[in-house]
Amino acid sequence: FVDRLARAMHVENFQRLGLRDHWLFLNAQPEVFLRSPRHGSFFADLFAARGLDPRRVVIEVLEEAISADAQWKEAVAFYRD
């Protein structure tokens, strides 16, 4: 819940700035990134509700070792969609 709340606040603050030619960078812990495909469309719903084009968002996965290649590919595909 706290993770989602922080992301929602970051998106809201970004939108309030009115920066039409900038990208929004959101950090994600690897374990959160890998679990996202199983937790629904939080980002898609959030961006739609705020009128934010998802092509202006960069998801930065924090640097940690990830050993689950298949899970990693699934999560990357999920976010690209």
N, C-alpha and C. Protein backbone atom coordinates (compact mmCIF):
# COMPACT_ATOMS: atom_id res chain seq x y z
N PHE A 1 0.82 -1.20 0.00
CA PHE A 1 0.00 0.00 0.00
C PHE A 1 0.86 1.26 0.00
N VAL A 2 1.88 1.27 0.85
CA VAL A 2 2.75 2.44 0.96
C VAL A 2 3.49 2.68 -0.36
N ASP A 3 3.92 1.60 -1.00
CA ASP A 3 4.61 1.71 -2.28
C ASP A 3 3.69 2.37 -3.32
N ARG A 4 2.47 1.92 -3.39
CA ARG A 4 1.51 2.48 -4.36
C ARG A 4 1.16 3.92 -4.02
N LEU A 5 1.01 4.21 -2.76
CA LEU A 5 0.71 5.57 -2.34
C LEU A 5 1.84 6.52 -2.74
N ALA A 6 3.07 6.11 -2.53
CA ALA A 6 4.22 6.94 -2.89
C ALA A 6 4.26 7.19 -4.40
N ARG A 7 3.98 6.17 -5.18
CA ARG A 7 3.99 6.33 -6.63
C ARG A 7 2.85 7.26 -7.09
N ALA A 8 1.69 7.10 -6.48
CA ALA A 8 0.56 7.96 -6.82
C ALA A 8 0.87 9.42 -6.49
N MET A 9 1.50 9.65 -5.36
CA MET A 9 1.87 11.01 -4.98
C MET A 9 2.90 11.59 -5.95
N HIS A 10 3.85 10.76 -6.37
CA HIS A 10 4.88 11.21 -7.31
C HIS A 10 4.25 11.59 -8.65
N VAL A 11 3.32 10.77 -9.14
CA VAL A 11 2.62 11.07 -10.39
C VAL A 11 1.82 12.36 -10.25
N GLU A 12 1.11 12.50 -9.15
CA GLU A 12 0.31 13.71 -8.92
C GLU A 12 1.19 14.95 -8.89
N ASN A 13 2.32 14.90 -8.19
CA ASN A 13 3.23 16.04 -8.13
C ASN A 13 3.80 16.37 -9.51
N PHE A 14 4.14 15.34 -10.26
CA PHE A 14 4.66 15.54 -11.62
C PHE A 14 3.63 16.23 -12.49
N GLN A 15 2.39 15.78 -12.42
CA GLN A 15 1.33 16.38 -13.24
C GLN A 15 1.07 17.83 -12.84
N ARG A 16 1.17 18.13 -11.58
CA ARG A 16 0.94 19.51 -11.11
C ARG A 16 1.99 20.47 -11.65
N LEU A 17 3.19 19.97 -11.92
CA LEU A 17 4.24 20.82 -12.47
C LEU A 17 3.93 21.26 -13.90
N GLY A 18 3.12 20.48 -14.60
CA GLY A 18 2.73 20.84 -15.96
C GLY A 18 3.85 20.74 -16.97
N LEU A 19 4.79 19.87 -16.75
CA LEU A 19 5.94 19.71 -17.65
C LEU A 19 5.56 18.78 -18.80
N ARG A 20 5.18 19.35 -19.90
CA ARG A 20 4.68 18.55 -21.03
C ARG A 20 5.79 17.88 -21.84
N ASP A 21 7.02 18.38 -21.75
CA ASP A 21 8.12 17.83 -22.54
C ASP A 21 9.13 17.06 -21.70
N HIS A 22 8.72 16.59 -20.54
CA HIS A 22 9.62 15.87 -19.65
C HIS A 22 9.11 14.46 -19.39
N TRP A 23 10.01 13.63 -18.92
CA TRP A 23 9.66 12.27 -18.55
C TRP A 23 9.56 12.17 -17.04
N LEU A 24 8.75 11.24 -16.59
CA LEU A 24 8.64 10.93 -15.17
C LEU A 24 9.41 9.64 -14.92
N PHE A 25 10.34 9.68 -13.98
CA PHE A 25 11.11 8.50 -13.61
C PHE A 25 10.59 7.96 -12.29
N LEU A 26 10.22 6.69 -12.28
CA LEU A 26 9.74 6.02 -11.06
C LEU A 26 10.68 4.87 -10.73
N ASN A 27 11.18 4.85 -9.52
CA ASN A 27 12.04 3.75 -9.07
C ASN A 27 11.20 2.58 -8.58
N ALA A 28 11.74 1.39 -8.77
CA ALA A 28 11.06 0.18 -8.30
C ALA A 28 12.09 -0.80 -7.74
N GLN A 29 11.78 -1.35 -6.61
CA GLN A 29 12.60 -2.43 -6.07
C GLN A 29 12.40 -3.64 -6.97
N PRO A 30 13.43 -4.45 -7.22
CA PRO A 30 13.29 -5.61 -8.10
C PRO A 30 12.15 -6.54 -7.71
N GLU A 31 11.96 -6.80 -6.42
CA GLU A 31 10.90 -7.72 -6.02
C GLU A 31 9.51 -7.16 -6.32
N VAL A 32 9.35 -5.85 -6.20
CA VAL A 32 8.07 -5.21 -6.53
C VAL A 32 7.86 -5.27 -8.05
N PHE A 33 8.90 -4.99 -8.80
CA PHE A 33 8.84 -5.03 -10.26
C PHE A 33 8.44 -6.41 -10.75
N LEU A 34 9.04 -7.44 -10.17
CA LEU A 34 8.77 -8.81 -10.60
C LEU A 34 7.36 -9.27 -10.24
N ARG A 35 6.80 -8.75 -9.16
CA ARG A 35 5.45 -9.15 -8.74
C ARG A 35 4.34 -8.39 -9.46
N SER A 36 4.66 -7.30 -10.10
CA SER A 36 3.65 -6.43 -10.70
C SER A 36 2.70 -7.13 -11.66
N PRO A 37 3.17 -8.03 -12.54
CA PRO A 37 2.21 -8.67 -13.46
C PRO A 37 1.09 -9.43 -12.75
N ARG A 38 1.32 -9.85 -11.53
CA ARG A 38 0.30 -10.59 -10.78
C ARG A 38 -0.62 -9.68 -9.96
N HIS A 39 -0.32 -8.38 -9.95
CA HIS A 39 -1.08 -7.46 -9.10
C HIS A 39 -1.93 -6.47 -9.87
N GLY A 40 -2.14 -6.70 -11.15
CA GLY A 40 -3.07 -5.89 -11.89
C GLY A 40 -2.48 -4.65 -12.53
N SER A 41 -3.36 -3.78 -12.93
CA SER A 41 -2.99 -2.64 -13.77
C SER A 41 -2.92 -1.33 -12.99
N PHE A 42 -2.28 -1.36 -11.84
CA PHE A 42 -2.21 -0.15 -11.01
C PHE A 42 -1.65 1.04 -11.79
N PHE A 43 -0.51 0.85 -12.44
CA PHE A 43 0.10 1.96 -13.18
C PHE A 43 -0.79 2.43 -14.31
N ALA A 44 -1.31 1.52 -15.10
CA ALA A 44 -2.18 1.90 -16.23
C ALA A 44 -3.38 2.69 -15.73
N ASP A 45 -3.99 2.23 -14.66
CA ASP A 45 -5.15 2.92 -14.09
C ASP A 45 -4.77 4.29 -13.55
N LEU A 46 -3.63 4.36 -12.86
CA LEU A 46 -3.16 5.62 -12.29
C LEU A 46 -2.87 6.64 -13.39
N PHE A 47 -2.15 6.21 -14.43
CA PHE A 47 -1.81 7.13 -15.51
C PHE A 47 -3.07 7.60 -16.24
N ALA A 48 -4.00 6.69 -16.48
CA ALA A 48 -5.25 7.06 -17.16
C ALA A 48 -6.05 8.07 -16.32
N ALA A 49 -6.12 7.84 -15.03
CA ALA A 49 -6.87 8.74 -14.14
C ALA A 49 -6.26 10.13 -14.09
N ARG A 50 -4.95 10.22 -14.26
CA ARG A 50 -4.25 11.50 -14.18
C ARG A 50 -3.98 12.11 -15.56
N GLY A 51 -4.37 11.39 -16.62
CA GLY A 51 -4.14 11.91 -17.97
C GLY A 51 -2.68 11.92 -18.36
N LEU A 52 -1.91 10.99 -17.83
CA LEU A 52 -0.47 10.91 -18.11
C LEU A 52 -0.21 9.84 -19.17
N ASP A 53 0.43 10.24 -20.25
CA ASP A 53 0.79 9.30 -21.31
C ASP A 53 1.87 8.36 -20.78
N PRO A 54 1.62 7.05 -20.75
CA PRO A 54 2.62 6.11 -20.19
C PRO A 54 3.92 6.11 -20.97
N ARG A 55 3.93 6.62 -22.19
CA ARG A 55 5.19 6.70 -22.95
C ARG A 55 6.12 7.76 -22.38
N ARG A 56 5.61 8.57 -21.45
CA ARG A 56 6.44 9.59 -20.79
C ARG A 56 6.99 9.11 -19.45
N VAL A 57 6.80 7.83 -19.15
CA VAL A 57 7.21 7.28 -17.86
C VAL A 57 8.33 6.28 -18.06
N VAL A 58 9.35 6.39 -17.22
CA VAL A 58 10.46 5.44 -17.20
C VAL A 58 10.44 4.74 -15.85
N ILE A 59 10.35 3.40 -15.89
CA ILE A 59 10.42 2.62 -14.66
C ILE A 59 11.87 2.22 -14.47
N GLU A 60 12.47 2.69 -13.40
CA GLU A 60 13.86 2.36 -13.10
C GLU A 60 13.87 1.26 -12.04
N VAL A 61 14.45 0.13 -12.39
CA VAL A 61 14.54 -0.97 -11.45
C VAL A 61 15.87 -0.82 -10.71
N LEU A 62 15.78 -0.75 -9.40
CA LEU A 62 16.98 -0.53 -8.59
C LEU A 62 17.95 -1.69 -8.75
N GLU A 63 19.20 -1.37 -8.68
CA GLU A 63 20.26 -2.33 -8.97
C GLU A 63 20.43 -3.35 -7.85
N GLU A 64 20.00 -4.53 -8.13
CA GLU A 64 20.18 -5.69 -7.26
C GLU A 64 20.23 -6.91 -8.15
N ALA A 65 20.83 -7.96 -7.66
CA ALA A 65 20.91 -9.18 -8.45
C ALA A 65 19.53 -9.83 -8.55
N ILE A 66 19.16 -10.20 -9.76
CA ILE A 66 17.90 -10.91 -9.99
C ILE A 66 18.24 -12.19 -10.72
N SER A 67 17.83 -13.30 -10.16
CA SER A 67 18.19 -14.59 -10.74
C SER A 67 17.07 -15.22 -11.56
N ALA A 68 15.88 -14.68 -11.50
CA ALA A 68 14.72 -15.27 -12.19
C ALA A 68 14.54 -14.62 -13.56
N ASP A 69 15.28 -15.11 -14.55
CA ASP A 69 15.23 -14.52 -15.88
C ASP A 69 13.83 -14.54 -16.50
N ALA A 70 13.13 -15.67 -16.37
CA ALA A 70 11.79 -15.77 -16.95
C ALA A 70 10.85 -14.76 -16.29
N GLN A 71 10.96 -14.65 -14.99
CA GLN A 71 10.12 -13.69 -14.25
C GLN A 71 10.46 -12.26 -14.67
N TRP A 72 11.73 -11.99 -14.86
CA TRP A 72 12.19 -10.67 -15.28
C TRP A 72 11.60 -10.32 -16.65
N LYS A 73 11.67 -11.24 -17.60
CA LYS A 73 11.14 -11.00 -18.95
C LYS A 73 9.63 -10.77 -18.90
N GLU A 74 8.93 -11.52 -18.06
CA GLU A 74 7.48 -11.34 -17.92
C GLU A 74 7.16 -9.95 -17.40
N ALA A 75 7.92 -9.49 -16.40
CA ALA A 75 7.66 -8.17 -15.82
C ALA A 75 7.97 -7.06 -16.82
N VAL A 76 9.05 -7.20 -17.58
CA VAL A 76 9.38 -6.19 -18.59
C VAL A 76 8.27 -6.11 -19.63
N ALA A 77 7.81 -7.26 -20.10
CA ALA A 77 6.72 -7.30 -21.09
C ALA A 77 5.45 -6.65 -20.53
N PHE A 78 5.15 -6.92 -19.26
CA PHE A 78 3.96 -6.36 -18.61
C PHE A 78 4.03 -4.83 -18.62
N TYR A 79 5.18 -4.27 -18.23
CA TYR A 79 5.29 -2.82 -18.18
C TYR A 79 5.30 -2.20 -19.56
N ARG A 80 5.88 -2.87 -20.53
CA ARG A 80 5.87 -2.33 -21.90
C ARG A 80 4.44 -2.26 -22.44
N ASP A 81 3.64 -3.27 -22.13
CA ASP A 81 2.24 -3.25 -22.56
C ASP A 81 1.49 -2.12 -21.89
